[in-house]
Amino acid sequence: MTYDDIANKLVDKEVGVEHSTLMKGPCLRYKGDFMAAMFEPENAMIIKVSPKRVNELIASGEGKEFNFTKKRFKEWVLIPASLEKHYEKYLHEALAYAKRKK
C-alpha cells in the first residue's frame, strides 16, 4: 500500500487525523500537529516519533536523520521508499506518538 493510500485510510478512520500542508507539500496532522509526510527530495517518508525511537530507527538502518535545514530534527526521521511495504506500521507508530502528546 502506498503512503497516499494509507494516509487516506487514516483520515477516513481516525478521528483527529487530517490532510494538511507542510513545506508547501501535503502532510498528515493529528489534531493540528504534524505527524507524517512524503519528502520527495529524499524519496522517503518523514514520521514524527520520540527522540529515542528516532535514534533506534537510525541505528537499525531503517531510518535516516532528517536535517533539511542543516539542523537535526530530534523527533523526525526519514523512512526510505525501499521500506514502503512497512509504511503502514510506521504511520500507526507516528499516530500513537501524536496521541500520547495530546
Protein backbone atom coordinates (compact mmCIF):
# COMPACT_ATOMS: atom_id res chain seq x y z
CA MET A 1 0.00 0.00 0.00
CA THR A 2 1.33 3.45 -0.88
CA TYR A 3 1.74 6.36 1.51
CA ASP A 4 -1.26 8.11 -0.07
CA ASP A 5 -3.45 5.01 0.32
CA ILE A 6 -2.52 4.66 3.98
CA ALA A 7 -2.90 8.39 4.63
CA ASN A 8 -6.39 8.40 3.12
CA LYS A 9 -7.34 5.35 5.18
CA LEU A 10 -6.15 7.04 8.39
CA VAL A 11 -8.04 10.24 7.59
CA ASP A 12 -11.21 8.23 6.97
CA LYS A 13 -10.97 6.05 10.08
CA GLU A 14 -9.09 8.01 12.76
CA VAL A 15 -10.75 10.98 14.47
CA GLY A 16 -8.33 13.91 14.55
CA VAL A 17 -6.21 12.83 11.57
CA GLU A 18 -6.41 15.25 8.65
CA HIS A 19 -4.70 16.12 5.40
CA SER A 20 -2.75 19.37 5.63
CA THR A 21 0.39 21.01 4.25
CA LEU A 22 3.99 21.37 5.39
CA MET A 23 6.84 23.00 3.46
CA LYS A 24 4.38 23.62 0.58
CA GLY A 25 3.57 19.93 0.29
CA PRO A 26 0.92 17.55 1.61
CA CYS A 27 1.23 16.07 5.08
CA LEU A 28 -0.81 14.38 7.78
CA ARG A 29 -1.63 16.07 11.06
CA TYR A 30 -3.23 14.80 14.22
CA LYS A 31 -5.31 17.49 15.95
CA GLY A 32 -3.21 20.12 14.20
CA ASP A 33 0.24 18.69 14.96
CA PHE A 34 2.50 17.33 12.24
CA MET A 35 2.53 13.53 12.06
CA ALA A 36 3.92 12.44 8.66
CA ALA A 37 4.63 13.42 5.06
CA MET A 38 6.42 12.29 1.96
CA PHE A 39 9.68 14.15 1.40
CA GLU A 40 10.35 13.98 -2.32
CA PRO A 41 13.95 15.29 -2.30
CA GLU A 42 14.93 12.16 -0.32
CA ASN A 43 12.30 9.82 -1.82
CA ALA A 44 11.30 9.00 1.74
CA MET A 45 8.51 9.37 4.25
CA ILE A 46 9.02 11.58 7.30
CA ILE A 47 7.39 10.49 10.55
CA LYS A 48 7.34 12.18 13.92
CA VAL A 49 8.16 9.84 16.79
CA SER A 50 10.01 10.11 20.09
CA PRO A 51 13.69 11.12 20.02
CA LYS A 52 14.55 7.69 21.42
CA ARG A 53 12.69 5.98 18.58
CA VAL A 54 14.35 8.26 16.01
CA ASN A 55 17.74 7.13 17.31
CA GLU A 56 16.67 3.47 17.25
CA LEU A 57 15.46 3.70 13.65
CA ILE A 58 18.67 5.39 12.53
CA ALA A 59 20.85 2.88 14.42
CA SER A 60 18.97 -0.07 12.89
CA GLY A 61 19.34 1.33 9.37
CA GLU A 62 15.57 1.63 8.92
CA GLY A 63 15.66 5.41 9.15
CA LYS A 64 17.81 8.33 8.17
CA GLU A 65 18.38 11.59 10.01
CA PHE A 66 16.18 14.46 8.82
CA ASN A 67 18.24 17.64 8.68
CA PHE A 68 16.79 19.51 5.71
CA THR A 69 17.59 22.88 7.29
CA LYS A 70 21.09 21.75 8.41
CA LYS A 71 19.62 21.27 11.89
CA ARG A 72 18.71 17.81 13.13
CA PHE A 73 15.05 17.38 13.96
CA LYS A 74 15.09 15.23 17.09
CA GLU A 75 11.54 13.88 16.60
CA TRP A 76 11.58 13.45 12.82
CA VAL A 77 13.06 10.55 10.89
CA LEU A 78 13.13 9.65 7.20
CA ILE A 79 11.92 6.19 6.22
CA PRO A 80 13.21 5.37 2.70
CA ALA A 81 10.88 4.30 -0.11
CA SER A 82 12.62 0.91 -0.11
CA LEU A 83 10.62 0.23 3.09
CA GLU A 84 7.27 1.32 1.60
CA LYS A 85 5.72 -2.08 2.36
CA HIS A 86 6.14 -1.14 6.06
CA TYR A 87 4.82 2.43 5.80
CA GLU A 88 1.51 1.50 7.39
CA LYS A 89 3.29 0.24 10.52
CA TYR A 90 5.39 3.43 10.72
CA LEU A 91 2.36 5.68 10.21
CA HIS A 92 0.50 3.93 13.01
CA GLU A 93 3.56 4.41 15.20
CA ALA A 94 3.56 8.14 14.39
CA LEU A 95 -0.17 8.32 15.16
CA ALA A 96 0.31 6.57 18.51
CA TYR A 97 3.07 9.06 19.37
CA ALA A 98 0.87 12.01 18.37
CA LYS A 99 -1.99 10.71 20.51
CA ARG A 100 0.28 10.40 23.56
CA LYS A 101 1.35 14.03 23.17
CA LYS A 102 -2.23 15.39 23.11
